């Protein structure tokens, strides 16, 4: 097993690079896995700042409406001055200003088309909440107005209805969140697995294909077939070692998830993807014999596919034409599979079938590069003979 041992002597020189990539990747994954976990099941309502300008004399309706605003938002008192109101909005002293026009109560009770004028901070979610508060009160008042009730009954009924609240208890389980984080971990590994494996496997293989080394191996006691078998075995062991390293990290970060069916599917999917990376690395060493070019290709393939296939930016946020291009790479089907696994709710034949199809597509890419390897090797032998 001389060739096998020498392979790992050469591969050992790439250990610092593997560790640097792994440490950075593990740090990013750790930050991702721990961020937001403390507040996943906590909801806190924030009051919006609302000002109410009343341009008519106080009535029971406007007084009750003002009290409703004070109970459900942070009331800010402003003078009926255009400059002061605009400054308050500009400096975010208020988010929403309601202006009650003159004769509002009389016109409202007479079923006139009367509106409360508003001023708001543009593109603010607090403005939407404030508008919802106002519409909720006015719509309820409109309902009682159609019922032909008195003003006193209307005000009391509105107050009673809008003060009725239901108790909501959040019992959300964070398992789905953990599965999604584990899937994101494996999505991101699209870059690191390719960057590390392609460089290590291809660079070591090129070392054995250097002219001086090649001539020495030809005159050595090791048969040519045995030489190739040992190289193949060493490459498989290297690929498995890199793959297992990242699987171990995923177990450390997401132990509960990785011991579930979701985790087993994520592991199986990454294993299939690693088979493709192994064959692709072999293919590169078959047609390219310069280490600098191999290094550049590994970076371009790792980063390029990660950007267009959804490793860095989720696939649902990418443009259709970008995803259509990404479909010509195994990374798209690998990442798409991780997302499908994260969203799967029942493990039946119907739900697993799309995942198996995607895995078959990835293996199809591996088979394609294997055929290309055989073709390139045949042409080399033919040219040398």
Protein backbone atom coordinates (compact mmCIF):
# COMPACT_ATOMS: atom_id res chain seq x y z
CA UNK A 1 0.00 0.00 0.00
CA UNK A 2 2.92 2.32 -0.76
CA UNK A 3 0.93 4.52 -3.11
CA UNK A 4 -1.93 4.73 -0.59
CA UNK A 5 0.44 5.90 2.18
CA UNK A 6 2.23 8.38 -0.06
CA UNK A 7 -1.12 9.81 -1.13
CA UNK A 8 -1.91 10.83 2.44
CA UNK A 9 1.58 12.22 2.96
CA UNK A 10 0.83 14.64 0.14
CA UNK A 11 -2.76 15.21 1.32
CA UNK A 12 -1.46 16.09 4.80
CA UNK A 13 0.00 19.32 3.38
CA UNK A 14 -3.57 20.52 2.71
CA UNK A 15 -4.65 19.95 6.32
CA UNK A 16 -4.23 23.65 7.35
CA UNK A 17 -6.50 24.72 4.47
CA UNK A 18 -9.12 22.12 5.46
CA UNK A 19 -9.05 23.27 9.07
CA UNK A 20 -9.32 26.98 8.16
CA UNK A 21 -12.33 26.36 5.90
CA UNK A 22 -13.93 24.11 8.51
CA UNK A 23 -13.40 26.49 11.44
CA UNK A 24 -14.87 29.46 9.50
CA UNK A 25 -17.78 27.36 8.32
CA UNK A 26 -18.43 25.94 11.81
CA UNK A 27 -18.33 29.46 13.30
CA UNK A 28 -20.89 30.75 10.78
CA UNK A 29 -23.10 27.68 11.36
CA UNK A 30 -22.85 28.11 15.14
CA UNK A 31 -23.89 31.76 14.96
CA UNK A 32 -26.78 30.82 12.69
CA UNK A 33 -27.91 27.97 14.95
CA UNK A 34 -27.90 30.04 18.13
CA UNK A 35 -29.26 33.35 16.80
CA UNK A 36 -32.88 33.98 17.62
CA UNK A 37 -33.33 30.84 19.72
CA UNK A 38 -33.99 32.73 22.95
CA UNK A 39 -36.91 34.73 21.55
CA UNK A 40 -38.46 32.21 19.17
CA UNK A 41 -41.61 31.83 21.30
CA UNK A 42 -41.81 35.37 22.69
CA UNK A 43 -44.23 37.93 21.32
CA UNK A 44 -44.35 41.49 22.51
CA UNK A 45 -46.72 44.11 21.17
CA UNK A 46 -45.16 47.55 20.62
CA UNK A 47 -47.33 50.63 20.90
CA UNK A 48 -47.30 53.06 18.02
CA UNK A 49 -47.16 56.83 18.48
CA UNK A 50 -50.44 58.46 17.45
CA UNK A 51 -51.59 62.08 17.62
CA UNK A 52 -55.25 63.09 17.44
CA UNK A 53 -56.29 66.57 16.34
CA UNK A 54 -59.96 67.32 17.10
CA UNK A 55 -61.32 70.22 15.07
CA UNK A 56 -64.83 70.01 16.46
CA UNK A 57 -66.10 70.37 20.03
CA UNK A 58 -65.78 67.32 22.20
CA UNK A 59 -68.67 64.92 21.79
CA UNK A 60 -69.33 61.50 23.30
CA UNK A 61 -68.17 59.85 20.08
CA UNK A 62 -64.90 61.79 19.73
CA UNK A 63 -64.16 61.51 23.47
CA UNK A 64 -64.68 57.71 23.37
CA UNK A 65 -62.56 57.49 20.21
CA UNK A 66 -59.74 59.43 21.88
CA UNK A 67 -59.88 57.13 24.91
CA UNK A 68 -59.74 54.11 22.61
CA UNK A 69 -56.58 55.48 20.97
CA UNK A 70 -55.00 56.13 24.39
CA UNK A 71 -55.79 52.56 25.47
CA UNK A 72 -54.30 50.94 22.38
CA UNK A 73 -51.43 53.22 21.41
CA UNK A 74 -49.06 55.81 22.80
CA UNK A 75 -50.96 59.10 22.56
CA UNK A 76 -48.89 62.16 21.64
CA UNK A 77 -50.47 65.59 22.13
CA UNK A 78 -49.87 68.03 19.27
CA UNK A 79 -51.18 71.48 18.46
CA UNK A 80 -53.31 71.98 15.36
CA UNK A 81 -50.40 73.48 13.45
CA UNK A 82 -49.30 72.21 10.00
CA UNK A 83 -45.59 72.88 10.60
CA UNK A 84 -45.59 71.24 14.04
CA UNK A 85 -47.38 68.17 12.70
CA UNK A 86 -44.96 67.74 9.79
CA UNK A 87 -41.95 68.20 12.07
CA UNK A 88 -43.36 65.59 14.47
CA UNK A 89 -43.61 63.10 11.59
CA UNK A 90 -40.18 63.99 10.20
CA UNK A 91 -38.42 63.51 13.55
CA UNK A 92 -40.46 60.34 14.26
CA UNK A 93 -42.11 61.88 17.30
CA UNK A 94 -45.35 60.44 15.96
CA UNK A 95 -46.06 57.73 13.40
CA UNK A 96 -49.63 58.65 12.57
CA UNK A 97 -51.78 61.77 12.91
CA UNK A 98 -55.59 61.66 12.82
CA UNK A 99 -57.48 64.89 12.17
CA UNK A 100 -61.18 64.89 13.08
CA UNK A 101 -62.96 67.51 10.90
CA UNK A 102 -65.66 69.91 12.08
CA UNK A 103 -69.19 68.51 12.44
CA UNK A 104 -67.76 64.99 12.31
CA UNK A 105 -70.16 63.50 14.89
CA UNK A 106 -73.26 65.12 13.34
CA UNK A 107 -72.32 64.07 9.80
CA UNK A 108 -71.42 60.56 10.94
CA UNK A 109 -74.72 60.07 12.74
CA UNK A 110 -76.55 61.36 9.67
CA UNK A 111 -74.78 58.68 7.61
CA UNK A 112 -72.84 61.26 5.62
CA UNK A 113 -69.65 60.22 3.81
CA UNK A 114 -67.32 61.75 6.38
CA UNK A 115 -63.68 60.82 6.77
CA UNK A 116 -60.95 61.37 9.34
CA UNK A 117 -57.99 63.01 7.64
CA UNK A 118 -54.62 61.39 8.28
CA UNK A 119 -50.90 62.13 8.03
CA UNK A 120 -48.34 59.35 8.37
CA UNK A 121 -44.72 58.32 8.13
CA UNK A 122 -44.24 56.86 4.61
CA UNK A 123 -43.68 53.09 4.30
CA UNK A 124 -43.97 52.47 8.03
CA UNK A 125 -45.53 49.32 9.46
CA UNK A 126 -46.63 51.35 12.49
CA UNK A 127 -48.73 53.52 10.17
CA UNK A 128 -50.51 50.40 8.92
CA UNK A 129 -51.22 49.34 12.51
CA UNK A 130 -52.52 52.84 13.32
CA UNK A 131 -54.80 52.82 10.31
CA UNK A 132 -56.11 49.42 11.37
CA UNK A 133 -56.93 50.78 14.84
CA UNK A 134 -58.86 53.70 13.35
CA UNK A 135 -60.78 51.55 10.85
CA UNK A 136 -61.61 49.00 13.51
CA UNK A 137 -63.32 51.64 15.64
CA UNK A 138 -65.12 53.37 12.77
CA UNK A 139 -66.32 50.10 11.20
CA UNK A 140 -67.74 48.98 14.54
CA UNK A 141 -69.46 52.36 14.96
CA UNK A 142 -70.86 52.04 11.44
CA UNK A 143 -72.30 48.66 12.35
CA UNK A 144 -74.19 50.06 15.34
CA UNK A 145 -75.28 53.12 13.32
CA UNK A 146 -77.04 50.79 10.88
CA UNK A 147 -78.75 49.14 13.85
CA UNK A 148 -80.39 52.53 14.55
CA UNK A 149 -79.18 52.73 18.16
CA UNK A 150 -78.71 55.86 20.27
CA UNK A 151 -75.34 57.60 20.59
CA UNK A 152 -74.97 56.53 24.23
CA UNK A 153 -75.69 52.88 23.42
CA UNK A 154 -73.41 53.07 20.41
CA UNK A 155 -70.45 54.40 22.43
CA UNK A 156 -70.97 51.87 25.25
CA UNK A 157 -71.38 48.96 22.84
CA UNK A 158 -68.27 49.91 20.88
CA UNK A 159 -66.25 50.17 24.07
CA UNK A 160 -67.52 46.80 25.27
CA UNK A 161 -66.84 45.08 21.95
CA UNK A 162 -63.36 46.49 21.43
CA UNK A 163 -62.31 45.76 25.01
CA UNK A 164 -63.09 42.08 24.53
CA UNK A 165 -59.84 40.16 24.15
CA UNK A 166 -59.02 36.51 23.79
CA UNK A 167 -56.17 34.77 25.53
CA UNK A 168 -53.54 33.40 23.17
CA UNK A 169 -50.98 30.91 24.36
CA UNK A 170 -48.00 30.20 22.13
CA UNK A 171 -47.01 26.56 22.26
CA UNK A 172 -44.87 26.56 19.15
CA UNK A 173 -42.28 23.80 19.01
CA UNK A 174 -38.89 24.74 17.63
CA UNK A 175 -38.22 21.43 15.90
CA UNK A 176 -39.13 22.82 12.47
CA UNK A 177 -36.82 25.75 13.14
CA UNK A 178 -33.98 23.37 13.98
CA UNK A 179 -34.62 21.33 10.83
CA UNK A 180 -34.51 24.49 8.72
CA UNK A 181 -31.23 25.51 10.35
CA UNK A 182 -29.78 22.07 9.70
CA UNK A 183 -30.91 22.34 6.06
CA UNK A 184 -29.25 25.78 5.84
CA UNK A 185 -26.07 24.21 7.25
CA UNK A 186 -26.03 21.63 4.47
CA UNK A 187 -26.98 24.25 1.87
CA UNK A 188 -23.96 26.31 2.83
CA UNK A 189 -21.76 23.21 2.71
CA UNK A 190 -22.32 23.26 -1.06
CA UNK A 191 -19.49 25.81 -1.16
CA UNK A 192 -17.12 24.39 1.45
CA UNK A 193 -17.39 20.75 0.38
CA UNK A 194 -16.65 21.62 -3.24
CA UNK A 195 -13.90 24.12 -2.42
CA UNK A 196 -12.08 21.70 -0.10
CA UNK A 197 -12.66 18.37 -1.84
CA UNK A 198 -11.89 19.56 -5.37
CA UNK A 199 -8.66 21.24 -4.29
CA UNK A 200 -7.39 18.39 -2.10
CA UNK A 201 -8.32 15.50 -4.42
CA UNK A 202 -7.32 17.24 -7.66
CA UNK A 203 -4.07 18.69 -6.29
CA UNK A 204 -2.91 15.36 -4.84
CA UNK A 205 -3.83 13.57 -8.06
CA UNK A 206 -1.82 16.11 -10.08
CA UNK A 207 1.17 15.46 -7.83
CA UNK A 208 1.07 11.79 -8.82
CA UNK A 209 0.68 12.69 -12.48
CA UNK A 210 3.80 14.86 -12.64
CA UNK A 211 6.21 13.59 -15.28
CA UNK A 212 9.03 12.67 -12.89
CA UNK A 213 6.70 10.89 -10.48
CA UNK A 214 4.98 9.13 -13.35
CA UNK A 215 8.25 7.75 -14.72
CA UNK A 216 9.35 6.58 -11.28
CA UNK A 217 6.03 4.76 -10.76
CA UNK A 218 6.33 3.06 -14.18
CA UNK A 219 9.68 1.49 -13.26
CA UNK A 220 8.63 0.65 -9.69
CA UNK A 221 7.59 -2.80 -8.48
CA UNK A 222 3.98 -1.66 -8.06
CA UNK A 223 1.80 -2.88 -10.97
CA UNK A 224 -0.08 -0.19 -12.91
CA UNK A 225 -3.49 -1.62 -11.98
CA UNK A 226 -2.55 -1.76 -8.30
CA UNK A 227 -1.26 1.80 -8.53
CA UNK A 228 -4.60 3.04 -9.89
CA UNK A 229 -6.61 1.01 -7.37
CA UNK A 230 -4.65 2.48 -4.46
CA UNK A 231 -5.13 5.99 -5.85
CA UNK A 232 -8.85 5.39 -6.25
CA UNK A 233 -9.14 3.99 -2.73
CA UNK A 234 -7.19 6.93 -1.28
CA UNK A 235 -9.45 9.42 -3.08
CA UNK A 236 -12.57 7.68 -1.80
CA UNK A 237 -11.20 7.68 1.77
CA UNK A 238 -10.30 11.38 1.47
CA UNK A 239 -13.74 12.30 0.16
CA UNK A 240 -15.42 10.27 2.90
CA UNK A 241 -13.19 11.86 5.53
CA UNK A 242 -14.10 15.41 4.44
CA UNK A 243 -17.78 14.47 4.23
CA UNK A 244 -17.77 12.80 7.68
CA UNK A 245 -16.09 15.86 9.19
CA UNK A 246 -19.04 18.04 8.17
CA UNK A 247 -21.58 15.42 9.20
CA UNK A 248 -19.96 15.35 12.67
CA UNK A 249 -20.22 19.15 12.92
CA UNK A 250 -23.92 18.95 12.02
CA UNK A 251 -24.43 16.37 14.79
CA UNK A 252 -22.73 18.69 17.29
CA UNK A 253 -24.89 21.67 16.31
CA UNK A 254 -28.21 19.92 15.63
CA UNK A 255 -28.03 16.63 17.51
CA UNK A 256 -31.79 16.15 17.94
CA UNK A 257 -32.54 16.94 14.30
CA UNK A 258 -29.72 14.80 12.90
CA UNK A 259 -31.02 11.78 14.80
CA UNK A 260 -34.43 12.15 13.15
CA UNK A 261 -35.63 11.11 9.70
CA UNK A 262 -35.02 14.66 8.49
CA UNK A 263 -31.38 14.43 9.56
CA UNK A 264 -30.85 11.03 7.94
CA UNK A 265 -32.23 12.36 4.65
CA UNK A 266 -29.95 15.42 4.83
CA UNK A 267 -26.97 13.13 5.42
CA UNK A 268 -27.96 10.82 2.54
CA UNK A 269 -28.41 13.81 0.24
CA UNK A 270 -24.97 15.20 1.11
CA UNK A 271 -23.42 11.74 0.59
CA UNK A 272 -24.87 11.57 -2.93
CA UNK A 273 -23.58 15.09 -3.59
CA UNK A 274 -20.12 14.03 -2.38
CA UNK A 275 -20.11 11.22 -4.97
CA UNK A 276 -20.60 13.87 -7.65
CA UNK A 277 -17.78 16.03 -6.20
CA UNK A 278 -15.44 13.02 -6.26
CA UNK A 279 -16.13 12.24 -9.93
CA UNK A 280 -15.92 15.92 -10.88
CA UNK A 281 -12.51 16.20 -9.17
CA UNK A 282 -11.31 13.12 -11.11
CA UNK A 283 -12.55 14.70 -14.32
CA UNK A 284 -10.63 17.93 -13.69
CA UNK A 285 -7.35 16.06 -13.18
CA UNK A 286 -7.98 14.13 -16.38
CA UNK A 287 -8.22 17.21 -18.62
CA UNK A 288 -6.25 19.84 -16.63
CA UNK A 289 -2.67 19.48 -15.40
CA UNK A 290 -1.96 22.92 -13.89
CA UNK A 291 -2.53 23.43 -10.17
CA UNK A 292 -3.31 27.15 -10.46
CA UNK A 293 -6.12 26.47 -12.91
CA UNK A 294 -7.55 23.75 -10.64
CA UNK A 295 -7.45 26.14 -7.68
CA UNK A 296 -9.28 28.82 -9.67
CA UNK A 297 -11.91 26.37 -10.94
CA UNK A 298 -12.66 25.10 -7.42
CA UNK A 299 -13.27 28.67 -6.23
CA UNK A 300 -15.41 29.59 -9.25
CA UNK A 301 -17.45 26.37 -9.08
CA UNK A 302 -17.92 26.56 -5.30
CA UNK A 303 -18.84 30.25 -5.11
CA UNK A 304 -20.64 30.45 -8.44
CA UNK A 305 -22.98 27.53 -7.83
CA UNK A 306 -23.58 28.67 -4.25
CA UNK A 307 -24.77 32.08 -5.44
CA UNK A 308 -27.02 30.95 -8.29
CA UNK A 309 -28.32 27.71 -6.72
CA UNK A 310 -29.48 29.14 -3.38
CA UNK A 311 -26.75 28.30 -0.85
CA UNK A 312 -26.17 31.93 0.16
CA UNK A 313 -29.50 33.44 -0.91
CA UNK A 314 -32.61 31.21 -0.51
CA UNK A 315 -33.97 29.89 -3.80
CA UNK A 316 -37.37 31.57 -3.28
CA UNK A 317 -35.64 34.98 -3.47
CA UNK A 318 -33.75 34.27 -6.69
CA UNK A 319 -35.04 35.26 -10.12
CA UNK A 320 -36.49 32.54 -12.33
CA UNK A 321 -33.85 32.97 -15.04
CA UNK A 322 -31.10 32.52 -12.43
CA UNK A 323 -32.71 29.31 -11.15
CA UNK A 324 -33.13 28.06 -14.72
CA UNK A 325 -29.38 28.44 -15.23
CA UNK A 326 -28.70 26.79 -11.85
CA UNK A 327 -30.68 23.71 -12.90
CA UNK A 328 -27.75 22.77 -15.14
CA UNK A 329 -25.62 22.29 -11.99
CA UNK A 330 -25.90 19.50 -9.37
CA UNK A 331 -25.85 22.18 -6.65
CA UNK A 332 -29.37 23.28 -7.55
CA UNK A 333 -30.80 19.78 -7.07
CA UNK A 334 -28.76 19.26 -3.90
CA UNK A 335 -29.95 22.51 -2.31
CA UNK A 336 -33.51 22.03 -3.58
CA UNK A 337 -33.49 18.62 -1.92
CA UNK A 338 -32.34 20.08 1.40
CA UNK A 339 -35.21 22.56 1.27
CA UNK A 340 -37.71 19.80 0.44
CA UNK A 341 -36.40 17.71 3.34
CA UNK A 342 -36.78 20.65 5.75
CA UNK A 343 -40.41 21.15 4.70
CA UNK A 344 -41.48 17.51 4.63
CA UNK A 345 -44.15 16.69 7.22
CA UNK A 346 -44.89 13.02 6.56
CA UNK A 347 -42.57 10.30 5.36
CA UNK A 348 -44.58 8.53 2.71
CA UNK A 349 -43.74 7.33 -0.79
CA UNK A 350 -45.46 10.38 -2.33
CA UNK A 351 -43.49 12.85 -0.19
CA UNK A 352 -40.14 11.04 -0.59
CA UNK A 353 -40.43 10.51 -4.33
CA UNK A 354 -39.36 14.08 -5.36
CA UNK A 355 -36.36 13.81 -3.01
CA UNK A 356 -35.31 10.48 -4.53
CA UNK A 357 -35.69 11.93 -8.04
CA UNK A 358 -33.40 14.85 -7.15
CA UNK A 359 -30.82 12.44 -5.74
CA UNK A 360 -31.03 10.45 -8.97
CA UNK A 361 -30.38 13.65 -10.95
CA UNK A 362 -27.25 14.34 -8.87
CA UNK A 363 -26.06 10.77 -9.48
CA UNK A 364 -26.80 11.38 -13.16
CA UNK A 365 -24.30 14.26 -13.13
CA UNK A 366 -21.76 11.97 -11.42
CA UNK A 367 -22.33 9.33 -14.09
CA UNK A 368 -21.92 11.94 -16.82
CA UNK A 369 -18.51 13.00 -15.50
CA UNK A 370 -17.51 9.34 -15.10
CA UNK A 371 -18.28 8.78 -18.79
CA UNK A 372 -16.30 11.92 -19.66
CA UNK A 373 -13.37 10.60 -17.59
CA UNK A 374 -13.40 7.33 -19.53
CA UNK A 375 -13.63 9.21 -22.83
CA UNK A 376 -10.76 11.55 -21.96
CA UNK A 377 -8.61 8.62 -20.75
CA UNK A 378 -9.29 6.71 -23.97
CA UNK A 379 -8.27 9.69 -26.09
CA UNK A 380 -5.06 10.08 -24.11
CA UNK A 381 -4.13 6.43 -24.58
CA UNK A 382 -4.91 6.67 -28.27
CA UNK A 383 -2.74 9.75 -28.69
CA UNK A 384 0.16 8.20 -26.78
CA UNK A 385 0.07 4.95 -28.74
